[in-house]
Structures are given as C-alpha cells and as structure tokens.
Amino acid sequence: SSAADYLANLGASVSKTFTVNTSVTEGASQSQSI
C-alpha cells in the first residue's frame, strides 16, 4: 500500500480495493415508539 502511494505521487494510476461497512436500522427504536 505504501509503495503504491509512492508511485501515485510520481504520476502512476493506482487502483486499490477497499471494503465499506454500513449499518442500517429499520423499525421504531425505544425512544421513537409510543
């Protein structure tokens, strides 16, 4: 990763794969319920 960043600073086009984690909450929570 650090070597690729170094090459990118010198003009190379670098491709990296990374994972995005997300959390989705559905329904009424305790504070939102009647």
Full PDB file with SEQRES, HELIX, SHEET, SSBOND, CRYST1, ORIGX, SCALE, CONECT and MASTER records, all heavy atoms in Angstrom:
SEQRES   1 A   34  SER SER ALA ALA ASP TYR LEU ALA ASN LEU GLY ALA SER          
SEQRES   2 A   34  VAL SER LYS THR PHE THR VAL ASN THR SER VAL THR GLU          
SEQRES   3 A   34  GLY ALA SER GLN SER GLN SER ILE                              
HELIX    1 AA1 SER A    2  ASN A    9  1                                   8    
CRYST1    1.000    1.000    1.000  90.00  90.00  90.00 P 1           1          
ORIGX1      1.000000  0.000000  0.000000        0.00000                         
ORIGX2      0.000000  1.000000  0.000000        0.00000                         
ORIGX3      0.000000  0.000000  1.000000        0.00000                         
SCALE1      1.000000  0.000000  0.000000        0.00000                         
SCALE2      0.000000  1.000000  0.000000        0.00000                         
SCALE3      0.000000  0.000000  1.000000        0.00000                         
ATOM      1  N   SER A   1       0.820  -1.208   0.000  1.00  0.00           N  
ATOM      2  CA  SER A   1       0.000   0.000   0.000  1.00  0.00           C  
ATOM      3  C   SER A   1       0.857   1.263   0.000  1.00  0.00           C  
ATOM      4  O   SER A   1       0.609   2.198  -0.765  1.00  0.00           O  
ATOM      5  CB  SER A   1      -0.926  -0.003   1.209  1.00  0.00           C  
ATOM      6  OG  SER A   1      -1.714   1.167   1.250  1.00  0.00           O  
ATOM      7  N   SER A   2       1.904   1.289   0.843  1.00  0.00           N  
ATOM      8  CA  SER A   2       2.765   2.480   0.898  1.00  0.00           C  
ATOM      9  C   SER A   2       3.578   2.630  -0.384  1.00  0.00           C  
ATOM     10  O   SER A   2       3.827   3.747  -0.841  1.00  0.00           O  
ATOM     11  CB  SER A   2       3.694   2.406   2.111  1.00  0.00           C  
ATOM     12  OG  SER A   2       4.527   1.258   2.040  1.00  0.00           O  
ATOM     13  N   ALA A   3       3.988   1.508  -0.987  1.00  0.00           N  
ATOM     14  CA  ALA A   3       4.716   1.577  -2.263  1.00  0.00           C  
ATOM     15  C   ALA A   3       3.821   2.126  -3.364  1.00  0.00           C  
ATOM     16  O   ALA A   3       4.259   2.929  -4.197  1.00  0.00           O  
ATOM     17  CB  ALA A   3       5.247   0.196  -2.635  1.00  0.00           C  
ATOM     18  N   ALA A   4       2.543   1.710  -3.372  1.00  0.00           N  
ATOM     19  CA  ALA A   4       1.610   2.209  -4.377  1.00  0.00           C  
ATOM     20  C   ALA A   4       1.359   3.701  -4.203  1.00  0.00           C  
ATOM     21  O   ALA A   4       1.259   4.450  -5.188  1.00  0.00           O  
ATOM     22  CB  ALA A   4       0.299   1.430  -4.289  1.00  0.00           C  
ATOM     23  N   ASP A   5       1.251   4.149  -2.962  1.00  0.00           N  
ATOM     24  CA  ASP A   5       1.073   5.579  -2.713  1.00  0.00           C  
ATOM     25  C   ASP A   5       2.269   6.376  -3.229  1.00  0.00           C  
ATOM     26  O   ASP A   5       2.115   7.487  -3.763  1.00  0.00           O  
ATOM     27  CB  ASP A   5       0.877   5.836  -1.217  1.00  0.00           C  
ATOM     28  CG  ASP A   5      -0.434   5.259  -0.696  1.00  0.00           C  
ATOM     29  OD1 ASP A   5      -1.317   4.988  -1.519  1.00  0.00           O  
ATOM     30  OD2 ASP A   5      -0.552   5.082   0.524  1.00  0.00           O  
ATOM     31  N   TYR A   6       3.451   5.813  -3.062  1.00  0.00           N  
ATOM     32  CA  TYR A   6       4.670   6.475  -3.540  1.00  0.00           C  
ATOM     33  C   TYR A   6       4.646   6.615  -5.060  1.00  0.00           C  
ATOM     34  O   TYR A   6       4.960   7.672  -5.611  1.00  0.00           O  
ATOM     35  CB  TYR A   6       5.884   5.667  -3.078  1.00  0.00           C  
ATOM     36  CG  TYR A   6       7.209   6.180  -3.586  1.00  0.00           C  
ATOM     37  CD1 TYR A   6       7.807   7.302  -3.024  1.00  0.00           C  
ATOM     38  CD2 TYR A   6       7.881   5.526  -4.613  1.00  0.00           C  
ATOM     39  CE1 TYR A   6       9.031   7.760  -3.482  1.00  0.00           C  
ATOM     40  CE2 TYR A   6       9.100   5.976  -5.080  1.00  0.00           C  
ATOM     41  CZ  TYR A   6       9.669   7.099  -4.503  1.00  0.00           C  
ATOM     42  OH  TYR A   6      10.873   7.557  -4.956  1.00  0.00           O  
ATOM     43  N   LEU A   7       4.256   5.528  -5.756  1.00  0.00           N  
ATOM     44  CA  LEU A   7       4.180   5.581  -7.218  1.00  0.00           C  
ATOM     45  C   LEU A   7       3.095   6.544  -7.683  1.00  0.00           C  
ATOM     46  O   LEU A   7       3.251   7.225  -8.700  1.00  0.00           O  
ATOM     47  CB  LEU A   7       3.920   4.181  -7.772  1.00  0.00           C  
ATOM     48  CG  LEU A   7       4.997   3.121  -7.515  1.00  0.00           C  
ATOM     49  CD1 LEU A   7       4.592   1.802  -8.149  1.00  0.00           C  
ATOM     50  CD2 LEU A   7       6.351   3.573  -8.047  1.00  0.00           C  
ATOM     51  N   ALA A   8       1.978   6.600  -6.941  1.00  0.00           N  
ATOM     52  CA  ALA A   8       0.897   7.511  -7.314  1.00  0.00           C  
ATOM     53  C   ALA A   8       1.347   8.960  -7.234  1.00  0.00           C  
ATOM     54  O   ALA A   8       0.939   9.799  -8.046  1.00  0.00           O  
ATOM     55  CB  ALA A   8      -0.309   7.277  -6.412  1.00  0.00           C  
ATOM     56  N   ASN A   9       2.187   9.278  -6.252  1.00  0.00           N  
ATOM     57  CA  ASN A   9       2.704  10.650  -6.143  1.00  0.00           C  
ATOM     58  C   ASN A   9       3.599  11.023  -7.315  1.00  0.00           C  
ATOM     59  O   ASN A   9       3.796  12.208  -7.606  1.00  0.00           O  
ATOM     60  CB  ASN A   9       3.480  10.817  -4.834  1.00  0.00           C  
ATOM     61  CG  ASN A   9       2.583  10.764  -3.623  1.00  0.00           C  
ATOM     62  OD1 ASN A   9       1.401  11.116  -3.699  1.00  0.00           O  
ATOM     63  ND2 ASN A   9       3.116  10.324  -2.494  1.00  0.00           N  
ATOM     64  N   LEU A  10       4.158   9.999  -7.990  1.00  0.00           N  
ATOM     65  CA  LEU A  10       5.028  10.245  -9.136  1.00  0.00           C  
ATOM     66  C   LEU A  10       4.278  10.194 -10.461  1.00  0.00           C  
ATOM     67  O   LEU A  10       4.889  10.245 -11.523  1.00  0.00           O  
ATOM     68  CB  LEU A  10       6.165   9.223  -9.153  1.00  0.00           C  
ATOM     69  CG  LEU A  10       7.143   9.294  -7.980  1.00  0.00           C  
ATOM     70  CD1 LEU A  10       8.147   8.160  -8.042  1.00  0.00           C  
ATOM     71  CD2 LEU A  10       7.866  10.635  -7.950  1.00  0.00           C  
ATOM     72  N   GLY A  11       2.939  10.037 -10.399  1.00  0.00           N  
ATOM     73  CA  GLY A  11       2.138  10.109 -11.612  1.00  0.00           C  
ATOM     74  C   GLY A  11       1.488   8.820 -12.039  1.00  0.00           C  
ATOM     75  O   GLY A  11       0.713   8.808 -13.009  1.00  0.00           O  
ATOM     76  N   ALA A  12       1.780   7.697 -11.347  1.00  0.00           N  
ATOM     77  CA  ALA A  12       1.166   6.425 -11.733  1.00  0.00           C  
ATOM     78  C   ALA A  12      -0.311   6.417 -11.354  1.00  0.00           C  
ATOM     79  O   ALA A  12      -0.731   7.073 -10.392  1.00  0.00           O  
ATOM     80  CB  ALA A  12       1.896   5.269 -11.048  1.00  0.00           C  
ATOM     81  N   SER A  13      -1.100   5.669 -12.101  1.00  0.00           N  
ATOM     82  CA  SER A  13      -2.516   5.488 -11.809  1.00  0.00           C  
ATOM     83  C   SER A  13      -2.674   4.208 -10.993  1.00  0.00           C  
ATOM     84  O   SER A  13      -2.446   3.106 -11.504  1.00  0.00           O  
ATOM     85  CB  SER A  13      -3.328   5.397 -13.107  1.00  0.00           C  
ATOM     86  OG  SER A  13      -4.683   5.157 -12.832  1.00  0.00           O  
ATOM     87  N   VAL A  14      -3.024   4.350  -9.738  1.00  0.00           N  
ATOM     88  CA  VAL A  14      -3.046   3.225  -8.800  1.00  0.00           C  
ATOM     89  C   VAL A  14      -4.485   2.843  -8.503  1.00  0.00           C  
ATOM     90  O   VAL A  14      -5.328   3.704  -8.217  1.00  0.00           O  
ATOM     91  CB  VAL A  14      -2.307   3.582  -7.491  1.00  0.00           C  
ATOM     92  CG1 VAL A  14      -2.427   2.449  -6.484  1.00  0.00           C  
ATOM     93  CG2 VAL A  14      -0.846   3.883  -7.790  1.00  0.00           C  
ATOM     94  N   SER A  15      -4.764   1.535  -8.544  1.00  0.00           N  
ATOM     95  CA  SER A  15      -6.090   1.008  -8.204  1.00  0.00           C  
ATOM     96  C   SER A  15      -5.983   0.188  -6.929  1.00  0.00           C  
ATOM     97  O   SER A  15      -5.112  -0.688  -6.817  1.00  0.00           O  
ATOM     98  CB  SER A  15      -6.632   0.137  -9.336  1.00  0.00           C  
ATOM     99  OG  SER A  15      -6.798   0.898 -10.517  1.00  0.00           O  
ATOM    100  N   LYS A  16      -6.862   0.500  -5.978  1.00  0.00           N  
ATOM    101  CA  LYS A  16      -6.898  -0.236  -4.711  1.00  0.00           C  
ATOM    102  C   LYS A  16      -8.313  -0.704  -4.432  1.00  0.00           C  
ATOM    103  O   LYS A  16      -9.290  -0.012  -4.745  1.00  0.00           O  
ATOM    104  CB  LYS A  16      -6.431   0.652  -3.552  1.00  0.00           C  
ATOM    105  CG  LYS A  16      -4.939   0.804  -3.419  1.00  0.00           C  
ATOM    106  CD  LYS A  16      -4.604   1.553  -2.149  1.00  0.00           C  
ATOM    107  CE  LYS A  16      -3.100   1.754  -2.000  1.00  0.00           C  
ATOM    108  NZ  LYS A  16      -2.779   2.493  -0.754  1.00  0.00           N  
ATOM    109  N   THR A  17      -8.396  -1.877  -3.817  1.00  0.00           N  
ATOM    110  CA  THR A  17      -9.692  -2.426  -3.428  1.00  0.00           C  
ATOM    111  C   THR A  17      -9.889  -2.214  -1.932  1.00  0.00           C  
ATOM    112  O   THR A  17      -8.985  -2.508  -1.139  1.00  0.00           O  
ATOM    113  CB  THR A  17      -9.764  -3.925  -3.749  1.00  0.00           C  
ATOM    114  OG1 THR A  17      -9.531  -4.115  -5.143  1.00  0.00           O  
ATOM    115  CG2 THR A  17     -11.122  -4.497  -3.386  1.00  0.00           C  
ATOM    116  N   PHE A  18     -11.036  -1.686  -1.555  1.00  0.00           N  
ATOM    117  CA  PHE A  18     -11.332  -1.483  -0.141  1.00  0.00           C  
ATOM    118  C   PHE A  18     -12.797  -1.822   0.111  1.00  0.00           C  
ATOM    119  O   PHE A  18     -13.624  -1.865  -0.797  1.00  0.00           O  
ATOM    120  CB  PHE A  18     -11.030  -0.038   0.280  1.00  0.00           C  
ATOM    121  CG  PHE A  18     -11.851   1.002  -0.433  1.00  0.00           C  
ATOM    122  CD1 PHE A  18     -12.987   1.542   0.153  1.00  0.00           C  
ATOM    123  CD2 PHE A  18     -11.489   1.457  -1.699  1.00  0.00           C  
ATOM    124  CE1 PHE A  18     -13.739   2.503  -0.501  1.00  0.00           C  
ATOM    125  CE2 PHE A  18     -12.237   2.407  -2.360  1.00  0.00           C  
ATOM    126  CZ  PHE A  18     -13.362   2.937  -1.758  1.00  0.00           C  
ATOM    127  N   THR A  19     -13.114  -2.105   1.372  1.00  0.00           N  
ATOM    128  CA  THR A  19     -14.455  -2.534   1.768  1.00  0.00           C  
ATOM    129  C   THR A  19     -15.110  -1.451   2.608  1.00  0.00           C  
ATOM    130  O   THR A  19     -14.491  -0.927   3.547  1.00  0.00           O  
ATOM    131  CB  THR A  19     -14.396  -3.845   2.568  1.00  0.00           C  
ATOM    132  OG1 THR A  19     -13.752  -4.843   1.772  1.00  0.00           O  
ATOM    133  CG2 THR A  19     -15.787  -4.319   2.946  1.00  0.00           C  
ATOM    134  N   VAL A  20     -16.358  -1.114   2.263  1.00  0.00           N  
ATOM    135  CA  VAL A  20     -17.140  -0.128   3.001  1.00  0.00           C  
ATOM    136  C   VAL A  20     -18.203  -0.867   3.808  1.00  0.00           C  
ATOM    137  O   VAL A  20     -19.025  -1.617   3.237  1.00  0.00           O  
ATOM    138  CB  VAL A  20     -17.791   0.888   2.050  1.00  0.00           C  
ATOM    139  CG1 VAL A  20     -18.639   1.886   2.838  1.00  0.00           C  
ATOM    140  CG2 VAL A  20     -16.733   1.609   1.230  1.00  0.00           C  
ATOM    141  N   ASN A  21     -18.178  -0.711   5.124  1.00  0.00           N  
ATOM    142  CA  ASN A  21     -19.160  -1.342   6.004  1.00  0.00           C  
ATOM    143  C   ASN A  21     -20.200  -0.314   6.436  1.00  0.00           C  
ATOM    144  O   ASN A  21     -19.844   0.784   6.891  1.00  0.00           O  
ATOM    145  CB  ASN A  21     -18.475  -1.935   7.235  1.00  0.00           C  
ATOM    146  CG  ASN A  21     -17.510  -3.056   6.885  1.00  0.00           C  
ATOM    147  OD1 ASN A  21     -17.844  -3.913   6.077  1.00  0.00           O  
ATOM    148  ND2 ASN A  21     -16.338  -3.048   7.499  1.00  0.00           N  
ATOM    149  N   THR A  22     -21.480  -0.673   6.299  1.00  0.00           N  
ATOM    150  CA  THR A  22     -22.568   0.217   6.699  1.00  0.00           C  
ATOM    151  C   THR A  22     -23.560  -0.562   7.548  1.00  0.00           C  
ATOM    152  O   THR A  22     -23.717  -1.779   7.418  1.00  0.00           O  
ATOM    153  CB  THR A  22     -23.292   0.793   5.465  1.00  0.00           C  
ATOM    154  OG1 THR A  22     -23.784  -0.293   4.659  1.00  0.00           O  
ATOM    155  CG2 THR A  22     -22.359   1.660   4.642  1.00  0.00           C  
ATOM    156  N   SER A  23     -24.243   0.166   8.431  1.00  0.00           N  
ATOM    157  CA  SER A  23     -25.271  -0.422   9.289  1.00  0.00           C  
ATOM    158  C   SER A  23     -26.584   0.316   9.053  1.00  0.00           C  
ATOM    159  O   SER A  23     -26.629   1.556   9.113  1.00  0.00           O  
ATOM    160  CB  SER A  23     -24.862  -0.330  10.764  1.00  0.00           C  
ATOM    161  OG  SER A  23     -23.686  -1.091  10.988  1.00  0.00           O  
ATOM    162  N   VAL A  24     -27.659  -0.428   8.790  1.00  0.00           N  
ATOM    163  CA  VAL A  24     -28.973   0.146   8.515  1.00  0.00           C  
ATOM    164  C   VAL A  24     -29.947  -0.347   9.586  1.00  0.00           C  
ATOM    165  O   VAL A  24     -30.067  -1.553   9.820  1.00  0.00           O  
ATOM    166  CB  VAL A  24     -29.469  -0.254   7.114  1.00  0.00           C  
ATOM    167  CG1 VAL A  24     -30.850   0.340   6.858  1.00  0.00           C  
ATOM    168  CG2 VAL A  24     -28.474   0.209   6.044  1.00  0.00           C  
ATOM    169  N   THR A  25     -30.638   0.603  10.245  1.00  0.00           N  
ATOM    170  CA  THR A  25     -31.616   0.256  11.280  1.00  0.00           C  
ATOM    171  C   THR A  25     -33.018   0.508  10.742  1.00  0.00           C  
ATOM    172  O   THR A  25     -33.327   1.607  10.261  1.00  0.00           O  
ATOM    173  CB  THR A  25     -31.383   1.091  12.552  1.00  0.00           C  
ATOM    174  OG1 THR A  25     -30.054   0.852  13.016  1.00  0.00           O  
ATOM    175  CG2 THR A  25     -32.379   0.716  13.636  1.00  0.00           C  
ATOM    176  N   GLU A  26     -33.886  -0.501  10.825  1.00  0.00           N  
ATOM    177  CA  GLU A  26     -35.270  -0.401  10.360  1.00  0.00           C  
ATOM    178  C   GLU A  26     -36.222  -0.639  11.520  1.00  0.00           C  
ATOM    179  O   GLU A  26     -35.949  -1.451  12.405  1.00  0.00           O  
ATOM    180  CB  GLU A  26     -35.544  -1.428   9.256  1.00  0.00           C  
ATOM    181  CG  GLU A  26     -34.706  -1.219   8.002  1.00  0.00           C  
ATOM    182  CD  GLU A  26     -34.988  -2.276   6.957  1.00  0.00           C  
ATOM    183  OE1 GLU A  26     -35.693  -3.257   7.299  1.00  0.00           O  
ATOM    184  OE2 GLU A  26     -34.496  -2.143   5.825  1.00  0.00           O  
ATOM    185  N   GLY A  27     -37.375   0.091  11.535  1.00  0.00           N  
ATOM    186  CA  GLY A  27     -38.347  -0.041  12.609  1.00  0.00           C  
ATOM    187  C   GLY A  27     -38.178   1.036  13.649  1.00  0.00           C  
ATOM    188  O   GLY A  27     -37.277   1.878  13.571  1.00  0.00           O  
ATOM    189  N   ALA A  28     -39.053   1.037  14.641  1.00  0.00           N  
ATOM    190  CA  ALA A  28     -39.038   2.061  15.697  1.00  0.00           C  
ATOM    191  C   ALA A  28     -38.154   1.623  16.834  1.00  0.00           C  
ATOM    192  O   ALA A  28     -38.230   0.489  17.310  1.00  0.00           O  
ATOM    193  CB  ALA A  28     -40.465   2.312  16.205  1.00  0.00           C  
ATOM    194  N   SER A  29     -37.297   2.535  17.273  1.00  0.00           N  
ATOM    195  CA  SER A  29     -36.465   2.255  18.421  1.00  0.00           C  
ATOM    196  C   SER A  29     -37.225   2.561  19.700  1.00  0.00           C  
ATOM    197  O   SER A  29     -38.360   3.038  19.678  1.00  0.00           O  
ATOM    198  CB  SER A  29     -35.183   3.088  18.354  1.00  0.00           C  
ATOM    199  OG  SER A  29     -35.502   4.465  18.435  1.00  0.00           O  
ATOM    200  N   GLN A  30     -36.600   2.328  20.849  1.00  0.00           N  
ATOM    201  CA  GLN A  30     -37.255   2.563  22.136  1.00  0.00           C  
ATOM    202  C   GLN A  30     -37.626   4.024  22.311  1.00  0.00           C  
ATOM    203  O   GLN A  30     -38.690   4.361  22.811  1.00  0.00           O  
ATOM    204  CB  GLN A  30     -36.322   2.127  23.275  1.00  0.00           C  
ATOM    205  CG  GLN A  30     -36.879   2.311  24.688  1.00  0.00           C  
ATOM    206  CD  GLN A  30     -38.050   1.381  24.962  1.00  0.00           C  
ATOM    207  OE1 GLN A  30     -38.028   0.225  24.571  1.00  0.00           O  
ATOM    208  NE2 GLN A  30     -39.092   1.889  25.611  1.00  0.00           N  
ATOM    209  N   SER A  31     -36.757   4.926  21.843  1.00  0.00           N  
ATOM    210  CA  SER A  31     -37.025   6.357  22.013  1.00  0.00           C  
ATOM    211  C   SER A  31     -38.098   6.851  21.060  1.00  0.00           C  
ATOM    212  O   SER A  31     -38.751   7.871  21.308  1.00  0.00           O  
ATOM    213  CB  SER A  31     -35.732   7.154  21.810  1.00  0.00           C  
ATOM    214  OG  SER A  31     -35.219   6.931  20.508  1.00  0.00           O  
ATOM    215  N   GLN A  32     -38.297   6.124  19.923  1.00  0.00           N  
ATOM    216  CA  GLN A  32     -39.259   6.581  18.932  1.00  0.00           C  
ATOM    217  C   GLN A  32     -40.639   5.940  19.088  1.00  0.00           C  
ATOM    218  O   GLN A  32     -41.612   6.409  18.513  1.00  0.00           O  
ATOM    219  CB  GLN A  32     -38.733   6.269  17.523  1.00  0.00           C  
ATOM    220  CG  GLN A  32     -37.439   7.005  17.181  1.00  0.00           C  
ATOM    221  CD  GLN A  32     -36.836   6.502  15.890  1.00  0.00           C  
ATOM    222  OE1 GLN A  32     -37.103   5.376  15.463  1.00  0.00           O  
ATOM    223  NE2 GLN A  32     -36.018   7.345  15.264  1.00  0.00           N  
ATOM    224  N   SER A  33     -40.756   4.871  19.849  1.00  0.00           N  
ATOM    225  CA  SER A  33     -42.022   4.142  19.958  1.00  0.00           C  
ATOM    226  C   SER A  33     -42.998   4.872  20.875  1.00  0.00           C  
ATOM    227  O   SER A  33     -42.621   5.706  21.697  1.00  0.00           O  
ATOM    228  CB  SER A  33     -41.767   2.732  20.492  1.00  0.00           C  
ATOM    229  OG  SER A  33     -41.224   2.812  21.801  1.00  0.00           O  
ATOM    230  N   ILE A  34     -44.280   4.555  20.709  1.00  0.00           N  
ATOM    231  CA  ILE A  34     -45.328   5.133  21.555  1.00  0.00           C  
ATOM    232  C   ILE A  34     -45.222   4.538  22.946  1.00  0.00           C  
ATOM    233  O   ILE A  34     -44.928   3.358  23.120  1.00  0.00           O  
ATOM    234  CB  ILE A  34     -46.727   4.846  20.959  1.00  0.00           C  
ATOM    235  CG1 ILE A  34     -46.800   5.437  19.549  1.00  0.00           C  
ATOM    236  CG2 ILE A  34     -47.828   5.388  21.830  1.00  0.00           C  
ATOM    237  CD1 ILE A  34     -48.073   5.074  18.831  1.00  0.00           C  
TER     238      ILE A  34                                                      
MASTER        0    0    0    1    0    0    0    6  237    1    0    3          
END                                                                             
